[in-house]
Amino acid sequence: MATSFNGEGRMLTGVSSAGTRELTATEFAKAAEGQFGIQQEIDIPLEATSSRLGLQDQMSNRLGTIEVPLPVPPDPEMQPRARSTLPPIEPD
Protein backbone atom coordinates (compact mmCIF):
# COMPACT_ATOMS: atom_id res chain seq x y z
CA MET A 1 0.00 0.00 0.00
CA ALA A 2 1.20 3.51 -0.73
CA THR A 3 -0.44 6.87 -0.10
CA SER A 4 0.64 10.49 -0.35
CA PHE A 5 -0.56 13.45 1.71
CA ASN A 6 -0.47 17.24 1.42
CA GLY A 7 0.57 19.69 4.15
CA GLU A 8 -2.93 19.66 5.70
CA GLY A 9 -2.89 15.84 5.96
CA ARG A 10 -5.35 15.30 3.10
CA MET A 11 -4.71 12.13 1.10
CA LEU A 12 -3.71 12.95 -2.48
CA THR A 13 -3.10 9.48 -3.93
CA GLY A 14 -3.43 5.90 -2.83
CA VAL A 15 -2.64 2.54 -4.35
CA SER A 16 -2.90 -0.99 -3.02
CA SER A 17 -1.90 -4.24 -4.65
CA ALA A 18 -1.55 -7.86 -3.63
CA GLY A 19 1.11 -10.24 -4.77
CA THR A 20 2.50 -13.67 -4.12
CA ARG A 21 5.99 -14.92 -4.59
CA GLU A 22 7.82 -18.21 -4.21
CA LEU A 23 10.93 -17.61 -2.10
CA THR A 24 14.19 -19.43 -2.65
CA ALA A 25 15.79 -21.02 0.42
CA THR A 26 18.22 -18.08 0.67
CA GLU A 27 15.41 -15.50 0.37
CA PHE A 28 13.36 -17.37 2.98
CA ALA A 29 16.29 -17.40 5.41
CA LYS A 30 16.73 -13.63 4.96
CA ALA A 31 12.99 -13.04 5.41
CA ALA A 32 13.07 -15.08 8.63
CA GLU A 33 15.80 -12.68 9.86
CA GLY A 34 13.62 -9.67 8.95
CA GLN A 35 15.29 -8.88 5.63
CA PHE A 36 12.76 -8.71 2.82
CA GLY A 37 12.58 -6.31 -0.08
CA ILE A 38 10.08 -5.44 -2.76
CA GLN A 39 10.06 -2.86 -5.50
CA GLN A 40 7.05 -0.96 -6.85
CA GLU A 41 6.82 2.31 -8.76
CA ILE A 42 4.28 4.85 -7.55
CA ASP A 43 3.30 8.32 -8.73
CA ILE A 44 3.41 11.05 -6.07
CA PRO A 45 2.24 14.61 -6.80
CA LEU A 46 4.78 17.42 -6.41
CA GLU A 47 2.66 19.07 -3.70
CA ALA A 48 2.83 15.97 -1.48
CA THR A 49 4.61 16.53 1.82
CA SER A 50 4.65 12.90 2.98
CA SER A 51 4.14 9.36 1.80
CA ARG A 52 2.96 6.43 3.90
CA LEU A 53 3.97 2.93 2.85
CA GLY A 54 2.43 -0.23 4.25
CA LEU A 55 2.94 -3.97 3.92
CA GLN A 56 0.54 -6.67 5.12
CA ASP A 57 1.50 -10.31 5.61
CA GLN A 58 -1.52 -12.23 4.31
CA MET A 59 -0.67 -15.35 6.33
CA SER A 60 -0.39 -13.68 9.75
CA ASN A 61 -2.55 -10.62 8.91
CA ARG A 62 0.17 -8.41 10.45
CA LEU A 63 0.55 -4.92 9.02
CA GLY A 64 3.49 -2.54 9.15
CA THR A 65 3.65 1.07 7.97
CA ILE A 66 6.21 3.83 7.69
CA GLU A 67 5.71 7.53 6.92
CA VAL A 68 8.36 9.28 4.85
CA PRO A 69 8.59 13.10 4.81
CA LEU A 70 8.95 14.58 1.32
CA PRO A 71 10.97 15.56 -0.56
CA VAL A 72 13.52 12.86 0.21
CA PRO A 73 17.03 14.34 0.15
CA PRO A 74 19.53 12.73 -2.22
CA ASP A 75 21.76 10.01 -0.79
CA PRO A 76 25.24 11.52 -0.28
CA GLU A 77 26.75 8.08 -0.99
CA MET A 78 25.26 7.97 -4.49
CA GLN A 79 27.31 9.24 -7.40
CA PRO A 80 25.45 11.51 -9.82
CA ARG A 81 24.72 9.97 -13.19
CA ALA A 82 26.85 11.11 -16.07
CA ARG A 83 24.88 13.26 -18.47
CA SER A 84 24.45 11.99 -21.96
CA THR A 85 26.60 13.81 -24.49
CA LEU A 86 24.55 13.53 -27.63
CA PRO A 87 25.78 15.26 -30.78
CA PRO A 88 23.97 18.49 -31.74
CA ILE A 89 20.94 18.19 -33.99
CA GLU A 90 21.82 18.95 -37.60
CA PRO A 91 19.71 21.63 -39.31
CA ASP A 92 17.44 20.54 -42.17
PDB file of N, CA and C in Angstrom:
ATOM      1  N   MET A   1       0.848  -1.163   0.000  1.00  0.00           N
ATOM      2  CA  MET A   1       0.000   0.000   0.000  1.00  0.00           C
ATOM      3  C   MET A   1       0.899   1.232   0.000  1.00  0.00           C
ATOM      4  N   ALA A   2       0.466   2.260  -0.721  1.00  0.00           N
ATOM      5  CA  ALA A   2       1.204   3.513  -0.730  1.00  0.00           C
ATOM      6  C   ALA A   2       0.217   4.662  -0.864  1.00  0.00           C
ATOM      7  N   THR A   3       0.403   5.679  -0.036  1.00  0.00           N
ATOM      8  CA  THR A   3      -0.442   6.870  -0.097  1.00  0.00           C
ATOM      9  C   THR A   3       0.450   8.099  -0.026  1.00  0.00           C
ATOM     10  N   SER A   4      -0.077   9.221  -0.497  1.00  0.00           N
ATOM     11  CA  SER A   4       0.640  10.486  -0.352  1.00  0.00           C
ATOM     12  C   SER A   4      -0.326  11.508   0.241  1.00  0.00           C
ATOM     13  N   PHE A   5       0.235  12.464   0.994  1.00  0.00           N
ATOM     14  CA  PHE A   5      -0.564  13.452   1.710  1.00  0.00           C
ATOM     15  C   PHE A   5      -0.019  14.850   1.461  1.00  0.00           C
ATOM     16  N   ASN A   6      -0.914  15.847   1.523  1.00  0.00           N
ATOM     17  CA  ASN A   6      -0.465  17.241   1.416  1.00  0.00           C
ATOM     18  C   ASN A   6      -0.162  17.789   2.810  1.00  0.00           C
ATOM     19  N   GLY A   7       0.190  19.059   2.885  1.00  0.00           N
ATOM     20  CA  GLY A   7       0.573  19.688   4.148  1.00  0.00           C
ATOM     21  C   GLY A   7      -0.530  19.720   5.189  1.00  0.00           C
ATOM     22  N   GLU A   8      -1.805  19.664   4.760  1.00  0.00           N
ATOM     23  CA  GLU A   8      -2.933  19.655   5.699  1.00  0.00           C
ATOM     24  C   GLU A   8      -3.318  18.241   6.111  1.00  0.00           C
ATOM     25  N   GLY A   9      -2.595  17.227   5.605  1.00  0.00           N
ATOM     26  CA  GLY A   9      -2.894  15.840   5.961  1.00  0.00           C
ATOM     27  C   GLY A   9      -3.940  15.195   5.082  1.00  0.00           C
ATOM     28  N   ARG A  10      -4.362  15.873   4.013  1.00  0.00           N
ATOM     29  CA  ARG A  10      -5.355  15.297   3.098  1.00  0.00           C
ATOM     30  C   ARG A  10      -4.680  14.317   2.150  1.00  0.00           C
ATOM     31  N   MET A  11      -5.280  13.139   1.989  1.00  0.00           N
ATOM     32  CA  MET A  11      -4.713  12.128   1.105  1.00  0.00           C
ATOM     33  C   MET A  11      -4.847  12.590  -0.348  1.00  0.00           C
ATOM     34  N   LEU A  12      -3.725  12.553  -1.072  1.00  0.00           N
ATOM     35  CA  LEU A  12      -3.710  12.952  -2.479  1.00  0.00           C
ATOM     36  C   LEU A  12      -3.808  11.748  -3.406  1.00  0.00           C
ATOM     37  N   THR A  13      -3.079  10.689  -3.105  1.00  0.00           N
ATOM     38  CA  THR A  13      -3.098   9.480  -3.928  1.00  0.00           C
ATOM     39  C   THR A  13      -3.053   8.259  -3.022  1.00  0.00           C
ATOM     40  N   GLY A  14      -3.503   7.151  -3.567  1.00  0.00           N
ATOM     41  CA  GLY A  14      -3.431   5.902  -2.829  1.00  0.00           C
ATOM     42  C   GLY A  14      -3.477   4.733  -3.788  1.00  0.00           C
ATOM     43  N   VAL A  15      -2.670   3.745  -3.518  1.00  0.00           N
ATOM     44  CA  VAL A  15      -2.644   2.536  -4.345  1.00  0.00           C
ATOM     45  C   VAL A  15      -2.411   1.345  -3.433  1.00  0.00           C
ATOM     46  N   SER A  16      -3.060   0.241  -3.782  1.00  0.00           N
ATOM     47  CA  SER A  16      -2.898  -0.988  -3.020  1.00  0.00           C
ATOM     48  C   SER A  16      -2.861  -2.146  -4.001  1.00  0.00           C
ATOM     49  N   SER A  17      -1.968  -3.070  -3.782  1.00  0.00           N
ATOM     50  CA  SER A  17      -1.903  -4.241  -4.650  1.00  0.00           C
ATOM     51  C   SER A  17      -1.510  -5.449  -3.813  1.00  0.00           C
ATOM     52  N   ALA A  18      -1.887  -6.612  -4.309  1.00  0.00           N
ATOM     53  CA  ALA A  18      -1.552  -7.862  -3.628  1.00  0.00           C
ATOM     54  C   ALA A  18      -0.675  -8.688  -4.552  1.00  0.00           C
ATOM     55  N   GLY A  19       0.240  -9.403  -3.971  1.00  0.00           N
ATOM     56  CA  GLY A  19       1.113 -10.239  -4.771  1.00  0.00           C
ATOM     57  C   GLY A  19       1.552 -11.459  -3.995  1.00  0.00           C
ATOM     58  N   THR A  20       1.949 -12.465  -4.730  1.00  0.00           N
ATOM     59  CA  THR A  20       2.499 -13.670  -4.116  1.00  0.00           C
ATOM     60  C   THR A  20       3.834 -13.949  -4.770  1.00  0.00           C
ATOM     61  N   ARG A  21       4.673 -14.629  -4.061  1.00  0.00           N
ATOM     62  CA  ARG A  21       5.992 -14.924  -4.587  1.00  0.00           C
ATOM     63  C   ARG A  21       6.540 -16.169  -3.924  1.00  0.00           C
ATOM     64  N   GLU A  22       7.129 -17.037  -4.722  1.00  0.00           N
ATOM     65  CA  GLU A  22       7.821 -18.209  -4.210  1.00  0.00           C
ATOM     66  C   GLU A  22       9.232 -17.771  -3.818  1.00  0.00           C
ATOM     67  N   LEU A  23       9.606 -18.001  -2.582  1.00  0.00           N
ATOM     68  CA  LEU A  23      10.928 -17.614  -2.098  1.00  0.00           C
ATOM     69  C   LEU A  23      11.910 -18.763  -2.237  1.00  0.00           C
ATOM     70  N   THR A  24      13.121 -18.426  -2.655  1.00  0.00           N
ATOM     71  CA  THR A  24      14.189 -19.428  -2.646  1.00  0.00           C
ATOM     72  C   THR A  24      14.583 -19.677  -1.190  1.00  0.00           C
ATOM     73  N   ALA A  25      15.353 -20.707  -0.943  1.00  0.00           N
ATOM     74  CA  ALA A  25      15.791 -21.022   0.423  1.00  0.00           C
ATOM     75  C   ALA A  25      16.581 -19.851   1.009  1.00  0.00           C
ATOM     76  N   THR A  26      17.430 -19.222   0.199  1.00  0.00           N
ATOM     77  CA  THR A  26      18.222 -18.079   0.669  1.00  0.00           C
ATOM     78  C   THR A  26      17.323 -16.901   1.003  1.00  0.00           C
ATOM     79  N   GLU A  27      16.340 -16.603   0.118  1.00  0.00           N
ATOM     80  CA  GLU A  27      15.408 -15.498   0.370  1.00  0.00           C
ATOM     81  C   GLU A  27      14.567 -15.765   1.616  1.00  0.00           C
ATOM     82  N   PHE A  28      14.147 -17.021   1.803  1.00  0.00           N
ATOM     83  CA  PHE A  28      13.358 -17.368   2.983  1.00  0.00           C
ATOM     84  C   PHE A  28      14.167 -17.168   4.255  1.00  0.00           C
ATOM     85  N   ALA A  29      15.434 -17.570   4.232  1.00  0.00           N
ATOM     86  CA  ALA A  29      16.291 -17.397   5.411  1.00  0.00           C
ATOM     87  C   ALA A  29      16.449 -15.918   5.746  1.00  0.00           C
ATOM     88  N   LYS A  30      16.624 -15.080   4.723  1.00  0.00           N
ATOM     89  CA  LYS A  30      16.732 -13.632   4.956  1.00  0.00           C
ATOM     90  C   LYS A  30      15.425 -13.069   5.500  1.00  0.00           C
ATOM     91  N   ALA A  31      14.296 -13.515   4.934  1.00  0.00           N
ATOM     92  CA  ALA A  31      12.993 -13.044   5.411  1.00  0.00           C
ATOM     93  C   ALA A  31      12.781 -13.431   6.866  1.00  0.00           C
ATOM     94  N   ALA A  32      13.208 -14.630   7.246  1.00  0.00           N
ATOM     95  CA  ALA A  32      13.074 -15.082   8.632  1.00  0.00           C
ATOM     96  C   ALA A  32      13.885 -14.208   9.579  1.00  0.00           C
ATOM     97  N   GLU A  33      14.968 -13.588   9.063  1.00  0.00           N
ATOM     98  CA  GLU A  33      15.798 -12.680   9.863  1.00  0.00           C
ATOM     99  C   GLU A  33      15.297 -11.242   9.795  1.00  0.00           C
ATOM    100  N   GLY A  34      14.190 -11.016   9.060  1.00  0.00           N
ATOM    101  CA  GLY A  34      13.625  -9.672   8.954  1.00  0.00           C
ATOM    102  C   GLY A  34      14.123  -8.888   7.758  1.00  0.00           C
ATOM    103  N   GLN A  35      14.781  -9.553   6.822  1.00  0.00           N
ATOM    104  CA  GLN A  35      15.287  -8.878   5.626  1.00  0.00           C
ATOM    105  C   GLN A  35      14.446  -9.306   4.426  1.00  0.00           C
ATOM    106  N   PHE A  36      13.606  -8.407   3.969  1.00  0.00           N
ATOM    107  CA  PHE A  36      12.755  -8.712   2.823  1.00  0.00           C
ATOM    108  C   PHE A  36      12.552  -7.434   2.031  1.00  0.00           C
ATOM    109  N   GLY A  37      12.715  -7.501   0.739  1.00  0.00           N
ATOM    110  CA  GLY A  37      12.581  -6.308  -0.081  1.00  0.00           C
ATOM    111  C   GLY A  37      11.626  -6.518  -1.235  1.00  0.00           C
ATOM    112  N   ILE A  38      10.929  -5.451  -1.584  1.00  0.00           N
ATOM    113  CA  ILE A  38      10.077  -5.442  -2.760  1.00  0.00           C
ATOM    114  C   ILE A  38      10.316  -4.135  -3.489  1.00  0.00           C
ATOM    115  N   GLN A  39       9.903  -4.080  -4.727  1.00  0.00           N
ATOM    116  CA  GLN A  39      10.057  -2.858  -5.504  1.00  0.00           C
ATOM    117  C   GLN A  39       8.755  -2.595  -6.236  1.00  0.00           C
ATOM    118  N   GLN A  40       8.262  -1.350  -6.146  1.00  0.00           N
ATOM    119  CA  GLN A  40       7.047  -0.957  -6.849  1.00  0.00           C
ATOM    120  C   GLN A  40       7.145   0.530  -7.159  1.00  0.00           C
ATOM    121  N   GLU A  41       6.829   0.896  -8.381  1.00  0.00           N
ATOM    122  CA  GLU A  41       6.819   2.306  -8.759  1.00  0.00           C
ATOM    123  C   GLU A  41       5.472   2.909  -8.407  1.00  0.00           C
ATOM    124  N   ILE A  42       5.511   4.129  -7.875  1.00  0.00           N
ATOM    125  CA  ILE A  42       4.281   4.851  -7.551  1.00  0.00           C
ATOM    126  C   ILE A  42       4.429   6.293  -8.014  1.00  0.00           C
ATOM    127  N   ASP A  43       3.320   6.915  -8.346  1.00  0.00           N
ATOM    128  CA  ASP A  43       3.300   8.323  -8.727  1.00  0.00           C
ATOM    129  C   ASP A  43       2.885   9.150  -7.516  1.00  0.00           C
ATOM    130  N   ILE A  44       3.700  10.168  -7.195  1.00  0.00           N
ATOM    131  CA  ILE A  44       3.411  11.047  -6.067  1.00  0.00           C
ATOM    132  C   ILE A  44       3.392  12.478  -6.590  1.00  0.00           C
ATOM    133  N   PRO A  45       2.308  13.230  -6.331  1.00  0.00           N
ATOM    134  CA  PRO A  45       2.236  14.614  -6.800  1.00  0.00           C
ATOM    135  C   PRO A  45       3.322  15.482  -6.173  1.00  0.00           C
ATOM    136  N   LEU A  46       3.742  16.520  -6.898  1.00  0.00           N
ATOM    137  CA  LEU A  46       4.783  17.423  -6.406  1.00  0.00           C
ATOM    138  C   LEU A  46       4.387  18.114  -5.103  1.00  0.00           C
ATOM    139  N   GLU A  47       3.091  18.364  -4.912  1.00  0.00           N
ATOM    140  CA  GLU A  47       2.655  19.072  -3.696  1.00  0.00           C
ATOM    141  C   GLU A  47       2.569  18.174  -2.469  1.00  0.00           C
ATOM    142  N   ALA A  48       2.856  16.887  -2.617  1.00  0.00           N
ATOM    143  CA  ALA A  48       2.825  15.965  -1.478  1.00  0.00           C
ATOM    144  C   ALA A  48       3.946  16.298  -0.501  1.00  0.00           C
ATOM    145  N   THR A  49       3.620  16.257   0.782  1.00  0.00           N
ATOM    146  CA  THR A  49       4.610  16.528   1.825  1.00  0.00           C
ATOM    147  C   THR A  49       5.012  15.272   2.587  1.00  0.00           C
ATOM    148  N   SER A  50       4.273  14.170   2.362  1.00  0.00           N
ATOM    149  CA  SER A  50       4.651  12.902   2.978  1.00  0.00           C
ATOM    150  C   SER A  50       4.045  11.746   2.198  1.00  0.00           C
ATOM    151  N   SER A  51       4.647  10.584   2.384  1.00  0.00           N
ATOM    152  CA  SER A  51       4.140   9.356   1.795  1.00  0.00           C
ATOM    153  C   SER A  51       4.120   8.296   2.885  1.00  0.00           C
ATOM    154  N   ARG A  52       3.065   7.522   2.926  1.00  0.00           N
ATOM    155  CA  ARG A  52       2.960   6.434   3.899  1.00  0.00           C
ATOM    156  C   ARG A  52       2.944   5.121   3.129  1.00  0.00           C
ATOM    157  N   LEU A  53       3.844   4.231   3.494  1.00  0.00           N
ATOM    158  CA  LEU A  53       3.966   2.932   2.852  1.00  0.00           C
ATOM    159  C   LEU A  53       3.572   1.852   3.843  1.00  0.00           C
ATOM    160  N   GLY A  54       2.875   0.839   3.371  1.00  0.00           N
ATOM    161  CA  GLY A  54       2.435  -0.235   4.248  1.00  0.00           C
ATOM    162  C   GLY A  54       2.593  -1.584   3.585  1.00  0.00           C
ATOM    163  N   LEU A  55       2.799  -2.605   4.391  1.00  0.00           N
ATOM    164  CA  LEU A  55       2.943  -3.972   3.917  1.00  0.00           C
ATOM    165  C   LEU A  55       2.172  -4.880   4.871  1.00  0.00           C
ATOM    166  N   GLN A  56       1.330  -5.746   4.303  1.00  0.00           N
ATOM    167  CA  GLN A  56       0.545  -6.670   5.123  1.00  0.00           C
ATOM    168  C   GLN A  56       0.929  -8.096   4.762  1.00  0.00           C
ATOM    169  N   ASP A  57       1.228  -8.884   5.780  1.00  0.00           N
ATOM    170  CA  ASP A  57       1.496 -10.307   5.611  1.00  0.00           C
ATOM    171  C   ASP A  57       0.145 -11.014   5.590  1.00  0.00           C
ATOM    172  N   GLN A  58      -0.217 -11.587   4.452  1.00  0.00           N
ATOM    173  CA  GLN A  58      -1.520 -12.231   4.305  1.00  0.00           C
ATOM    174  C   GLN A  58      -1.673 -13.468   5.192  1.00  0.00           C
ATOM    175  N   MET A  59      -0.564 -14.135   5.511  1.00  0.00           N
ATOM    176  CA  MET A  59      -0.670 -15.346   6.327  1.00  0.00           C
ATOM    177  C   MET A  59      -0.918 -15.024   7.797  1.00  0.00           C
ATOM    178  N   SER A  60      -0.230 -14.015   8.331  1.00  0.00           N
ATOM    179  CA  SER A  60      -0.388 -13.681   9.750  1.00  0.00           C
ATOM    180  C   SER A  60      -1.343 -12.509   9.963  1.00  0.00           C
ATOM    181  N   ASN A  61      -1.696 -11.809   8.874  1.00  0.00           N
ATOM    182  CA  ASN A  61      -2.546 -10.621   8.910  1.00  0.00           C
ATOM    183  C   ASN A  61      -1.879  -9.456   9.641  1.00  0.00           C
ATOM    184  N   ARG A  62      -0.563  -9.518   9.829  1.00  0.00           N
ATOM    185  CA  ARG A  62       0.172  -8.412  10.450  1.00  0.00           C
ATOM    186  C   ARG A  62       0.405  -7.319   9.418  1.00  0.00           C
ATOM    187  N   LEU A  63       0.404  -6.082   9.895  1.00  0.00           N
ATOM    188  CA  LEU A  63       0.549  -4.920   9.023  1.00  0.00           C
ATOM    189  C   LEU A  63       1.614  -4.000   9.596  1.00  0.00           C
ATOM    190  N   GLY A  64       2.478  -3.501   8.729  1.00  0.00           N
ATOM    191  CA  GLY A  64       3.490  -2.542   9.148  1.00  0.00           C
ATOM    192  C   GLY A  64       3.451  -1.334   8.224  1.00  0.00           C
ATOM    193  N   THR A  65       3.651  -0.146   8.774  1.00  0.00           N
ATOM    194  CA  THR A  65       3.654   1.074   7.968  1.00  0.00           C
ATOM    195  C   THR A  65       4.839   1.947   8.358  1.00  0.00           C
ATOM    196  N   ILE A  66       5.187   2.831   7.421  1.00  0.00           N
ATOM    197  CA  ILE A  66       6.210   3.834   7.685  1.00  0.00           C
ATOM    198  C   ILE A  66       5.800   5.096   6.939  1.00  0.00           C
ATOM    199  N   GLU A  67       6.004   6.251   7.565  1.00  0.00           N
ATOM    200  CA  GLU A  67       5.710   7.527   6.919  1.00  0.00           C
ATOM    201  C   GLU A  67       7.032   8.210   6.587  1.00  0.00           C
ATOM    202  N   VAL A  68       7.135   8.673   5.354  1.00  0.00           N
ATOM    203  CA  VAL A  68       8.363   9.281   4.852  1.00  0.00           C
ATOM    204  C   VAL A  68       8.085  10.742   4.524  1.00  0.00           C
ATOM    205  N   PRO A  69       8.784  11.702   5.170  1.00  0.00           N
ATOM    206  CA  PRO A  69       8.595  13.101   4.811  1.00  0.00           C
ATOM    207  C   PRO A  69       9.174  13.365   3.409  1.00  0.00           C
ATOM    208  N   LEU A  70       8.514  14.235   2.670  1.00  0.00           N
ATOM    209  CA  LEU A  70       8.947  14.581   1.318  1.00  0.00           C
ATOM    210  C   LEU A  70       9.323  16.044   1.230  1.00  0.00           C
ATOM    211  N   PRO A  71      10.222  16.415   0.347  1.00  0.00           N
ATOM    212  CA  PRO A  71      10.967  15.555  -0.563  1.00  0.00           C
ATOM    213  C   PRO A  71      12.077  14.814   0.175  1.00  0.00           C
ATOM    214  N   VAL A  72      12.439  13.663  -0.361  1.00  0.00           N
ATOM    215  CA  VAL A  72      13.515  12.860   0.208  1.00  0.00           C
ATOM    216  C   VAL A  72      14.836  13.442  -0.292  1.00  0.00           C
ATOM    217  N   PRO A  73      15.756  13.793   0.609  1.00  0.00           N
ATOM    218  CA  PRO A  73      17.029  14.344   0.151  1.00  0.00           C
ATOM    219  C   PRO A  73      17.856  13.288  -0.577  1.00  0.00           C
ATOM    220  N   PRO A  74      18.702  13.714  -1.508  1.00  0.00           N
ATOM    221  CA  PRO A  74      19.530  12.732  -2.217  1.00  0.00           C
ATOM    222  C   PRO A  74      20.498  12.037  -1.270  1.00  0.00           C
ATOM    223  N   ASP A  75      20.818  10.799  -1.581  1.00  0.00           N
ATOM    224  CA  ASP A  75      21.759  10.007  -0.794  1.00  0.00           C
ATOM    225  C   ASP A  75      23.169  10.523  -1.067  1.00  0.00           C
ATOM    226  N   PRO A  76      23.896  10.986  -0.046  1.00  0.00           N
ATOM    227  CA  PRO A  76      25.240  11.518  -0.279  1.00  0.00           C
ATOM    228  C   PRO A  76      26.217  10.451  -0.769  1.00  0.00           C
ATOM    229  N   GLU A  77      25.892   9.171  -0.553  1.00  0.00           N
ATOM    230  CA  GLU A  77      26.754   8.081  -0.994  1.00  0.00           C
ATOM    231  C   GLU A  77      26.617   7.802  -2.493  1.00  0.00           C
ATOM    232  N   MET A  78      25.512   8.254  -3.077  1.00  0.00           N
ATOM    233  CA  MET A  78      25.259   7.972  -4.493  1.00  0.00           C
ATOM    234  C   MET A  78      26.039   8.940  -5.372  1.00  0.00           C
ATOM    235  N   GLN A  79      26.605   8.414  -6.429  1.00  0.00           N
ATOM    236  CA  GLN A  79      27.311   9.236  -7.405  1.00  0.00           C
ATOM    237  C   GLN A  79      26.298   9.748  -8.427  1.00  0.00           C
ATOM    238  N   PRO A  80      26.384  11.022  -8.805  1.00  0.00           N
ATOM    239  CA  PRO A  80      25.455  11.513  -9.820  1.00  0.00           C
ATOM    240  C   PRO A  80      25.691  10.801 -11.148  1.00  0.00           C
ATOM    241  N   ARG A  81      24.612  10.609 -11.880  1.00  0.00           N
ATOM    242  CA  ARG A  81      24.720   9.971 -13.191  1.00  0.00           C
ATOM    243  C   ARG A  81      25.397  10.909 -14.175  1.00  0.00           C
ATOM    244  N   ALA A  82      26.210  10.317 -15.027  1.00  0.00           N
ATOM    245  CA  ALA A  82      26.848  11.115 -16.075  1.00  0.00           C
ATOM    246  C   ALA A  82      25.791  11.529 -17.080  1.00  0.00           C
ATOM    247  N   ARG A  83      25.833  12.781 -17.485  1.00  0.00           N
ATOM    248  CA  ARG A  83      24.876  13.262 -18.469  1.00  0.00           C
ATOM    249  C   ARG A  83      25.253  12.758 -19.847  1.00  0.00           C
ATOM    250  N   SER A  84      24.238  12.471 -20.604  1.00  0.00           N
ATOM    251  CA  SER A  84      24.449  11.994 -21.958  1.00  0.00           C
ATOM    252  C   SER A  84      25.025  13.130 -22.807  1.00  0.00           C
ATOM    253  N   THR A  85      26.010  12.811 -23.599  1.00  0.00           N
ATOM    254  CA  THR A  85      26.601  13.813 -24.486  1.00  0.00           C
ATOM    255  C   THR A  85      26.243  13.458 -25.922  1.00  0.00           C
ATOM    256  N   LEU A  86      25.013  13.790 -26.285  1.00  0.00           N
ATOM    257  CA  LEU A  86      24.552  13.532 -27.632  1.00  0.00           C
ATOM    258  C   LEU A  86      25.085  14.601 -28.578  1.00  0.00           C
ATOM    259  N   PRO A  87      25.321  14.247 -29.827  1.00  0.00           N
ATOM    260  CA  PRO A  87      25.779  15.260 -30.783  1.00  0.00           C
ATOM    261  C   PRO A  87      24.659  16.263 -31.040  1.00  0.00           C
ATOM    262  N   PRO A  88      25.009  17.489 -31.472  1.00  0.00           N
ATOM    263  CA  PRO A  88      23.972  18.490 -31.737  1.00  0.00           C
ATOM    264  C   PRO A  88      23.105  18.039 -32.918  1.00  0.00           C
ATOM    265  N   ILE A  89      21.877  18.513 -32.917  1.00  0.00           N
ATOM    266  CA  ILE A  89      20.943  18.189 -33.990  1.00  0.00           C
ATOM    267  C   ILE A  89      21.336  18.986 -35.234  1.00  0.00           C
ATOM    268  N   GLU A  90      21.435  18.295 -36.338  1.00  0.00           N
ATOM    269  CA  GLU A  90      21.822  18.951 -37.604  1.00  0.00           C
ATOM    270  C   GLU A  90      20.624  19.677 -38.177  1.00  0.00           C
ATOM    271  N   PRO A  91      20.830  20.894 -38.708  1.00  0.00           N
ATOM    272  CA  PRO A  91      19.705  21.632 -39.313  1.00  0.00           C
ATOM    273  C   PRO A  91      19.238  20.933 -40.594  1.00  0.00           C
ATOM    274  N   ASP A  92      17.981  21.120 -40.934  1.00  0.00           N
ATOM    275  CA  ASP A  92      17.441  20.536 -42.174  1.00  0.00           C
ATOM    276  C   ASP A  92      18.030  21.172 -43.408  1.00  0.00           C
TER     277      ASP A  92
END
